Amino acid sequence: AVEELADENTIGVAAILGSTYTGDLDDVQALSAMSDKLREKKGLELPIHVDAASGGFVAPFLFPDLVWDFQLKVGGGSNSPTVQ
């Protein structure tokens, strides 16, 4: 849905890493790939913010192979997601 809705007025995308009640995780790696695609297709720069207030502490222990943090390079460059 983000890909269809993003335009020149979009200032960024937020992902949730561990919702408070269910612990569900947004696929940050997929959002990063989508951001790269939009950059190539529409020339949009979409920074990604990861709200990891609930899951950021436990995710590395529960899912050690999960890529969701500064390992990702958004836009194929030196841009990394911001993490809270």
PDB file of N, CA and C in Angstrom:
ATOM      1  N   ALA A   1       0.815  -1.196   0.000  1.00  0.00           N
ATOM      2  CA  ALA A   1       0.000   0.000   0.000  1.00  0.00           C
ATOM      3  C   ALA A   1       0.860   1.262   0.000  1.00  0.00           C
ATOM      4  N   VAL A   2       1.995   1.204   0.691  1.00  0.00           N
ATOM      5  CA  VAL A   2       2.863   2.384   0.753  1.00  0.00           C
ATOM      6  C   VAL A   2       3.317   2.786  -0.639  1.00  0.00           C
ATOM      7  N   GLU A   3       3.667   1.808  -1.438  1.00  0.00           N
ATOM      8  CA  GLU A   3       4.182   2.086  -2.781  1.00  0.00           C
ATOM      9  C   GLU A   3       3.166   2.850  -3.627  1.00  0.00           C
ATOM     10  N   GLU A   4       1.894   2.505  -3.510  1.00  0.00           N
ATOM     11  CA  GLU A   4       0.859   3.175  -4.289  1.00  0.00           C
ATOM     12  C   GLU A   4       0.563   4.576  -3.751  1.00  0.00           C
ATOM     13  N   LEU A   5       0.712   4.765  -2.448  1.00  0.00           N
ATOM     14  CA  LEU A   5       0.348   6.037  -1.825  1.00  0.00           C
ATOM     15  C   LEU A   5       1.479   7.062  -1.806  1.00  0.00           C
ATOM     16  N   ALA A   6       2.718   6.619  -1.901  1.00  0.00           N
ATOM     17  CA  ALA A   6       3.858   7.538  -1.807  1.00  0.00           C
ATOM     18  C   ALA A   6       3.918   8.461  -3.021  1.00  0.00           C
ATOM     19  N   ASP A   7       4.150   9.748  -2.738  1.00  0.00           N
ATOM     20  CA  ASP A   7       4.326  10.726  -3.814  1.00  0.00           C
ATOM     21  C   ASP A   7       5.313  11.788  -3.347  1.00  0.00           C
ATOM     22  N   GLU A   8       5.412  12.887  -4.076  1.00  0.00           N
ATOM     23  CA  GLU A   8       6.392  13.928  -3.750  1.00  0.00           C
ATOM     24  C   GLU A   8       6.110  14.623  -2.421  1.00  0.00           C
ATOM     25  N   ASN A   9       4.924  14.404  -1.855  1.00  0.00           N
ATOM     26  CA  ASN A   9       4.575  14.994  -0.566  1.00  0.00           C
ATOM     27  C   ASN A   9       4.846  14.067   0.614  1.00  0.00           C
ATOM     28  N   THR A  10       5.314  12.867   0.349  1.00  0.00           N
ATOM     29  CA  THR A  10       5.594  11.893   1.404  1.00  0.00           C
ATOM     30  C   THR A  10       6.960  12.207   2.006  1.00  0.00           C
ATOM     31  N   ILE A  11       7.004  12.385   3.331  1.00  0.00           N
ATOM     32  CA  ILE A  11       8.269  12.762   3.967  1.00  0.00           C
ATOM     33  C   ILE A  11       9.022  11.571   4.549  1.00  0.00           C
ATOM     34  N   GLY A  12       8.394  10.418   4.627  1.00  0.00           N
ATOM     35  CA  GLY A  12       9.067   9.240   5.161  1.00  0.00           C
ATOM     36  C   GLY A  12       8.082   8.124   5.434  1.00  0.00           C
ATOM     37  N   VAL A  13       8.629   7.005   5.872  1.00  0.00           N
ATOM     38  CA  VAL A  13       7.832   5.826   6.187  1.00  0.00           C
ATOM     39  C   VAL A  13       8.231   5.367   7.587  1.00  0.00           C
ATOM     40  N   ALA A  14       7.247   5.010   8.400  1.00  0.00           N
ATOM     41  CA  ALA A  14       7.525   4.508   9.745  1.00  0.00           C
ATOM     42  C   ALA A  14       7.191   3.027   9.817  1.00  0.00           C
ATOM     43  N   ALA A  15       8.067   2.286  10.463  1.00  0.00           N
ATOM     44  CA  ALA A  15       7.848   0.855  10.688  1.00  0.00           C
ATOM     45  C   ALA A  15       7.813   0.620  12.195  1.00  0.00           C
ATOM     46  N   ILE A  16       7.039  -0.356  12.606  1.00  0.00           N
ATOM     47  CA  ILE A  16       6.943  -0.706  14.021  1.00  0.00           C
ATOM     48  C   ILE A  16       7.680  -2.023  14.230  1.00  0.00           C
ATOM     49  N   LEU A  17       8.594  -2.020  15.173  1.00  0.00           N
ATOM     50  CA  LEU A  17       9.324  -3.242  15.496  1.00  0.00           C
ATOM     51  C   LEU A  17       8.874  -3.702  16.874  1.00  0.00           C
ATOM     52  N   GLY A  18       7.803  -4.451  16.890  1.00  0.00           N
ATOM     53  CA  GLY A  18       7.271  -4.970  18.139  1.00  0.00           C
ATOM     54  C   GLY A  18       6.162  -4.109  18.689  1.00  0.00           C
ATOM     55  N   SER A  19       4.944  -4.339  18.206  1.00  0.00           N
ATOM     56  CA  SER A  19       3.818  -3.570  18.734  1.00  0.00           C
ATOM     57  C   SER A  19       3.617  -3.917  20.208  1.00  0.00           C
ATOM     58  N   THR A  20       3.086  -2.984  20.953  1.00  0.00           N
ATOM     59  CA  THR A  20       2.980  -3.120  22.399  1.00  0.00           C
ATOM     60  C   THR A  20       2.194  -4.354  22.833  1.00  0.00           C
ATOM     61  N   TYR A  21       1.064  -4.624  22.193  1.00  0.00           N
ATOM     62  CA  TYR A  21       0.195  -5.697  22.671  1.00  0.00           C
ATOM     63  C   TYR A  21       0.490  -7.056  22.057  1.00  0.00           C
ATOM     64  N   THR A  22       0.889  -7.092  20.800  1.00  0.00           N
ATOM     65  CA  THR A  22       1.066  -8.390  20.133  1.00  0.00           C
ATOM     66  C   THR A  22       2.515  -8.723  19.817  1.00  0.00           C
ATOM     67  N   GLY A  23       3.385  -7.726  19.811  1.00  0.00           N
ATOM     68  CA  GLY A  23       4.780  -7.971  19.459  1.00  0.00           C
ATOM     69  C   GLY A  23       5.018  -8.109  17.968  1.00  0.00           C
ATOM     70  N   ASP A  24       3.997  -7.826  17.159  1.00  0.00           N
ATOM     71  CA  ASP A  24       4.143  -7.942  15.699  1.00  0.00           C
ATOM     72  C   ASP A  24       5.234  -7.008  15.183  1.00  0.00           C
ATOM     73  N   LEU A  25       5.918  -7.476  14.136  1.00  0.00           N
ATOM     74  CA  LEU A  25       7.008  -6.711  13.537  1.00  0.00           C
ATOM     75  C   LEU A  25       6.665  -6.345  12.106  1.00  0.00           C
ATOM     76  N   ASP A  26       6.906  -5.093  11.723  1.00  0.00           N
ATOM     77  CA  ASP A  26       6.812  -4.722  10.311  1.00  0.00           C
ATOM     78  C   ASP A  26       8.066  -5.227   9.605  1.00  0.00           C
ATOM     79  N   ASP A  27       7.946  -5.533   8.345  1.00  0.00           N
ATOM     80  CA  ASP A  27       9.068  -6.035   7.550  1.00  0.00           C
ATOM     81  C   ASP A  27       9.911  -4.851   7.070  1.00  0.00           C
ATOM     82  N   VAL A  28      10.874  -4.462   7.880  1.00  0.00           N
ATOM     83  CA  VAL A  28      11.697  -3.290   7.586  1.00  0.00           C
ATOM     84  C   VAL A  28      12.548  -3.522   6.345  1.00  0.00           C
ATOM     85  N   GLN A  29      13.005  -4.749   6.166  1.00  0.00           N
ATOM     86  CA  GLN A  29      13.815  -5.059   4.987  1.00  0.00           C
ATOM     87  C   GLN A  29      12.995  -4.877   3.706  1.00  0.00           C
ATOM     88  N   ALA A  30      11.735  -5.285   3.728  1.00  0.00           N
ATOM     89  CA  ALA A  30      10.856  -5.100   2.566  1.00  0.00           C
ATOM     90  C   ALA A  30      10.577  -3.612   2.332  1.00  0.00           C
ATOM     91  N   LEU A  31      10.397  -2.847   3.410  1.00  0.00           N
ATOM     92  CA  LEU A  31      10.198  -1.401   3.265  1.00  0.00           C
ATOM     93  C   LEU A  31      11.429  -0.743   2.651  1.00  0.00           C
ATOM     94  N   SER A  32      12.598  -1.214   3.030  1.00  0.00           N
ATOM     95  CA  SER A  32      13.833  -0.681   2.461  1.00  0.00           C
ATOM     96  C   SER A  32      13.912  -0.970   0.965  1.00  0.00           C
ATOM     97  N   ALA A  33      13.564  -2.203   0.580  1.00  0.00           N
ATOM     98  CA  ALA A  33      13.562  -2.571  -0.842  1.00  0.00           C
ATOM     99  C   ALA A  33      12.542  -1.730  -1.606  1.00  0.00           C
ATOM    100  N   MET A  34      11.373  -1.507  -0.994  1.00  0.00           N
ATOM    101  CA  MET A  34      10.343  -0.685  -1.620  1.00  0.00           C
ATOM    102  C   MET A  34      10.827   0.749  -1.783  1.00  0.00           C
ATOM    103  N   SER A  35      11.534   1.254  -0.781  1.00  0.00           N
ATOM    104  CA  SER A  35      12.080   2.603  -0.850  1.00  0.00           C
ATOM    105  C   SER A  35      13.088   2.724  -1.993  1.00  0.00           C
ATOM    106  N   ASP A  36      13.924   1.708  -2.147  1.00  0.00           N
ATOM    107  CA  ASP A  36      14.885   1.691  -3.263  1.00  0.00           C
ATOM    108  C   ASP A  36      14.162   1.704  -4.607  1.00  0.00           C
ATOM    109  N   LYS A  37      13.092   0.909  -4.690  1.00  0.00           N
ATOM    110  CA  LYS A  37      12.309   0.815  -5.928  1.00  0.00           C
ATOM    111  C   LYS A  37      11.665   2.163  -6.275  1.00  0.00           C
ATOM    112  N   LEU A  38      11.107   2.827  -5.274  1.00  0.00           N
ATOM    113  CA  LEU A  38      10.479   4.135  -5.501  1.00  0.00           C
ATOM    114  C   LEU A  38      11.511   5.189  -5.891  1.00  0.00           C
ATOM    115  N   ARG A  39      12.701   5.049  -5.370  1.00  0.00           N
ATOM    116  CA  ARG A  39      13.764   5.985  -5.744  1.00  0.00           C
ATOM    117  C   ARG A  39      14.102   5.830  -7.224  1.00  0.00           C
ATOM    118  N   GLU A  40      14.215   4.585  -7.661  1.00  0.00           N
ATOM    119  CA  GLU A  40      14.534   4.323  -9.068  1.00  0.00           C
ATOM    120  C   GLU A  40      13.376   4.688  -9.996  1.00  0.00           C
ATOM    121  N   LYS A  41      12.156   4.312  -9.587  1.00  0.00           N
ATOM    122  CA  LYS A  41      10.977   4.470 -10.437  1.00  0.00           C
ATOM    123  C   LYS A  41      10.453   5.905 -10.494  1.00  0.00           C
ATOM    124  N   LYS A  42      10.338   6.554  -9.322  1.00  0.00           N
ATOM    125  CA  LYS A  42       9.707   7.873  -9.242  1.00  0.00           C
ATOM    126  C   LYS A  42      10.648   8.985  -8.793  1.00  0.00           C
ATOM    127  N   GLY A  43      11.891   8.633  -8.469  1.00  0.00           N
ATOM    128  CA  GLY A  43      12.829   9.640  -7.985  1.00  0.00           C
ATOM    129  C   GLY A  43      12.539  10.118  -6.574  1.00  0.00           C
ATOM    130  N   LEU A  44      11.803   9.314  -5.792  1.00  0.00           N
ATOM    131  CA  LEU A  44      11.444   9.701  -4.428  1.00  0.00           C
ATOM    132  C   LEU A  44      12.490   9.226  -3.430  1.00  0.00           C
ATOM    133  N   GLU A  45      12.842  10.084  -2.506  1.00  0.00           N
ATOM    134  CA  GLU A  45      13.720   9.718  -1.397  1.00  0.00           C
ATOM    135  C   GLU A  45      12.828   9.502  -0.181  1.00  0.00           C
ATOM    136  N   LEU A  46      12.709   8.267   0.275  1.00  0.00           N
ATOM    137  CA  LEU A  46      11.842   7.965   1.409  1.00  0.00           C
ATOM    138  C   LEU A  46      12.657   7.449   2.585  1.00  0.00           C
ATOM    139  N   PRO A  47      12.955   8.307   3.543  1.00  0.00           N
ATOM    140  CA  PRO A  47      13.634   7.818   4.733  1.00  0.00           C
ATOM    141  C   PRO A  47      12.714   6.877   5.509  1.00  0.00           C
ATOM    142  N   ILE A  48      13.313   5.955   6.235  1.00  0.00           N
ATOM    143  CA  ILE A  48      12.545   5.003   7.040  1.00  0.00           C
ATOM    144  C   ILE A  48      12.878   5.236   8.507  1.00  0.00           C
ATOM    145  N   HIS A  49      11.833   5.358   9.318  1.00  0.00           N
ATOM    146  CA  HIS A  49      12.003   5.452  10.769  1.00  0.00           C
ATOM    147  C   HIS A  49      11.476   4.157  11.368  1.00  0.00           C
ATOM    148  N   VAL A  50      12.262   3.525  12.215  1.00  0.00           N
ATOM    149  CA  VAL A  50      11.836   2.288  12.871  1.00  0.00           C
ATOM    150  C   VAL A  50      11.558   2.595  14.335  1.00  0.00           C
ATOM    151  N   ASP A  51      10.292   2.455  14.734  1.00  0.00           N
ATOM    152  CA  ASP A  51       9.924   2.618  16.135  1.00  0.00           C
ATOM    153  C   ASP A  51      10.178   1.274  16.808  1.00  0.00           C
ATOM    154  N   ALA A  52      11.280   1.211  17.523  1.00  0.00           N
ATOM    155  CA  ALA A  52      11.687  -0.048  18.148  1.00  0.00           C
ATOM    156  C   ALA A  52      11.622   0.045  19.665  1.00  0.00           C
ATOM    157  N   ALA A  53      10.754   0.917  20.173  1.00  0.00           N
ATOM    158  CA  ALA A  53      10.664   1.122  21.616  1.00  0.00           C
ATOM    159  C   ALA A  53      10.286  -0.164  22.353  1.00  0.00           C
ATOM    160  N   SER A  54       9.401  -0.963  21.791  1.00  0.00           N
ATOM    161  CA  SER A  54       8.997  -2.204  22.454  1.00  0.00           C
ATOM    162  C   SER A  54       9.830  -3.399  22.015  1.00  0.00           C
ATOM    163  N   GLY A  55      10.054  -3.538  20.712  1.00  0.00           N
ATOM    164  CA  GLY A  55      10.705  -4.744  20.209  1.00  0.00           C
ATOM    165  C   GLY A  55      12.193  -4.649  19.988  1.00  0.00           C
ATOM    166  N   GLY A  56      12.739  -3.448  20.005  1.00  0.00           N
ATOM    167  CA  GLY A  56      14.157  -3.282  19.718  1.00  0.00           C
ATOM    168  C   GLY A  56      15.065  -3.984  20.704  1.00  0.00           C
ATOM    169  N   PHE A  57      14.604  -4.143  21.922  1.00  0.00           N
ATOM    170  CA  PHE A  57      15.413  -4.818  22.932  1.00  0.00           C
ATOM    171  C   PHE A  57      15.393  -6.328  22.755  1.00  0.00           C
ATOM    172  N   VAL A  58      14.220  -6.892  22.450  1.00  0.00           N
ATOM    173  CA  VAL A  58      14.108  -8.352  22.392  1.00  0.00           C
ATOM    174  C   VAL A  58      14.312  -8.942  21.002  1.00  0.00           C
ATOM    175  N   ALA A  59      14.067  -8.174  19.952  1.00  0.00           N
ATOM    176  CA  ALA A  59      14.170  -8.707  18.584  1.00  0.00           C
ATOM    177  C   ALA A  59      15.525  -9.341  18.278  1.00  0.00           C
ATOM    178  N   PRO A  60      16.649  -8.730  18.673  1.00  0.00           N
ATOM    179  CA  PRO A  60      17.938  -9.355  18.356  1.00  0.00           C
ATOM    180  C   PRO A  60      18.123 -10.723  19.019  1.00  0.00           C
ATOM    181  N   PHE A  61      17.451 -10.945  20.143  1.00  0.00           N
ATOM    182  CA  PHE A  61      17.563 -12.228  20.833  1.00  0.00           C
ATOM    183  C   PHE A  61      16.580 -13.255  20.280  1.00  0.00           C
ATOM    184  N   LEU A  62      15.373 -12.803  19.950  1.00  0.00           N
ATOM    185  CA  LEU A  62      14.356 -13.714  19.420  1.00  0.00           C
ATOM    186  C   LEU A  62      14.580 -14.051  17.950  1.00  0.00           C
ATOM    187  N   PHE A  63      15.060 -13.076  17.187  1.00  0.00           N
ATOM    188  CA  PHE A  63      15.260 -13.239  15.742  1.00  0.00           C
ATOM    189  C   PHE A  63      16.659 -12.736  15.367  1.00  0.00           C
ATOM    190  N   PRO A  64      17.704 -13.500  15.686  1.00  0.00           N
ATOM    191  CA  PRO A  64      19.070 -13.007  15.470  1.00  0.00           C
ATOM    192  C   PRO A  64      19.420 -12.699  14.015  1.00  0.00           C
ATOM    193  N   ASP A  65      18.709 -13.286  13.063  1.00  0.00           N
ATOM    194  CA  ASP A  65      18.998 -13.040  11.647  1.00  0.00           C
ATOM    195  C   ASP A  65      18.144 -11.924  11.048  1.00  0.00           C
ATOM    196  N   LEU A  66      17.273 -11.333  11.843  1.00  0.00           N
ATOM    197  CA  LEU A  66      16.393 -10.269  11.362  1.00  0.00           C
ATOM    198  C   LEU A  66      17.204  -9.010  11.066  1.00  0.00           C
ATOM    199  N   VAL A  67      17.074  -8.505   9.854  1.00  0.00           N
ATOM    200  CA  VAL A  67      17.762  -7.265   9.469  1.00  0.00           C
ATOM    201  C   VAL A  67      16.739  -6.138   9.520  1.00  0.00           C
ATOM    202  N   TRP A  68      16.926  -5.225  10.463  1.00  0.00           N
ATOM    203  CA  TRP A  68      15.949  -4.158  10.647  1.00  0.00           C
ATOM    204  C   TRP A  68      16.586  -2.828  11.038  1.00  0.00           C
ATOM    205  N   ASP A  69      17.881  -2.823  11.257  1.00  0.00           N
ATOM    206  CA  ASP A  69      18.508  -1.637  11.833  1.00  0.00           C
ATOM    207  C   ASP A  69      19.483  -0.977  10.867  1.00  0.00           C
ATOM    208  N   PHE A  70      20.586  -0.491  11.370  1.00  0.00           N
ATOM    209  CA  PHE A  70      21.535   0.273  10.569  1.00  0.00           C
ATOM    210  C   PHE A  70      22.296  -0.574   9.552  1.00  0.00           C
ATOM    211  N   GLN A  71      22.050  -1.883   9.541  1.00  0.00           N
ATOM    212  CA  GLN A  71      22.628  -2.739   8.503  1.00  0.00           C
ATOM    213  C   GLN A  71      22.012  -2.420   7.143  1.00  0.00           C
ATOM    214  N   LEU A  72      20.789  -1.911   7.153  1.00  0.00           N
ATOM    215  CA  LEU A  72      20.099  -1.571   5.907  1.00  0.00           C
ATOM    216  C   LEU A  72      20.605  -0.246   5.364  1.00  0.00           C
ATOM    217  N   LYS A  73      20.777  -0.197   4.080  1.00  0.00           N
ATOM    218  CA  LYS A  73      21.153   1.051   3.419  1.00  0.00           C
ATOM    219  C   LYS A  73      19.983   1.471   2.547  1.00  0.00           C
ATOM    220  N   VAL A  74      19.262   2.472   2.974  1.00  0.00           N
ATOM    221  CA  VAL A  74      18.081   2.935   2.255  1.00  0.00           C
ATOM    222  C   VAL A  74      18.512   3.792   1.073  1.00  0.00           C
ATOM    223  N   GLY A  75      17.925   3.554  -0.060  1.00  0.00           N
ATOM    224  CA  GLY A  75      18.241   4.340  -1.240  1.00  0.00           C
ATOM    225  C   GLY A  75      19.548   3.951  -1.893  1.00  0.00           C
ATOM    226  N   GLY A  76      20.085   2.784  -1.525  1.00  0.00           N
ATOM    227  CA  GLY A  76      21.303   2.308  -2.151  1.00  0.00           C
ATOM    228  C   GLY A  76      22.532   3.116  -1.786  1.00  0.00           C
ATOM    229  N   GLY A  77      22.397   4.006  -0.818  1.00  0.00           N
ATOM    230  CA  GLY A  77      23.527   4.845  -0.442  1.00  0.00           C
ATOM    231  C   GLY A  77      23.890   4.683   1.014  1.00  0.00           C
ATOM    232  N   SER A  78      24.283   5.776   1.615  1.00  0.00           N
ATOM    233  CA  SER A  78      24.715   5.723   3.006  1.00  0.00           C
ATOM    234  C   SER A  78      23.570   5.997   3.971  1.00  0.00           C
ATOM    235  N   ASN A  79      22.368   6.201   3.462  1.00  0.00           N
ATOM    236  CA  ASN A  79      21.198   6.424   4.303  1.00  0.00           C
ATOM    237  C   ASN A  79      20.837   5.153   5.043  1.00  0.00           C
ATOM    238  N   SER A  80      20.706   5.204   6.347  1.00  0.00           N
ATOM    239  CA  SER A  80      20.237   4.078   7.135  1.00  0.00           C
ATOM    240  C   SER A  80      18.934   4.485   7.792  1.00  0.00           C
ATOM    241  N   PRO A  81      18.117   3.499   8.190  1.00  0.00           N
ATOM    242  CA  PRO A  81      16.891   3.858   8.899  1.00  0.00           C
ATOM    243  C   PRO A  81      17.224   4.540  10.220  1.00  0.00           C
ATOM    244  N   THR A  82      16.375   5.449  10.664  1.00  0.00           N
ATOM    245  CA  THR A  82      16.514   5.967  12.015  1.00  0.00           C
ATOM    246  C   THR A  82      15.822   4.982  12.932  1.00  0.00           C
ATOM    247  N   VAL A  83      16.344   4.798  14.107  1.00  0.00           N
ATOM    248  CA  VAL A  83      15.785   3.842  15.057  1.00  0.00           C
ATOM    249  C   VAL A  83      15.542   4.563  16.365  1.00  0.00           C
ATOM    250  N   GLN A  84      14.335   4.389  16.904  1.00  0.00           N
ATOM    251  CA  GLN A  84      13.998   5.004  18.183  1.00  0.00           C
ATOM    252  C   GLN A  84      13.904   3.922  19.206  1.00  0.00           C
TER     253      GLN A  84
END
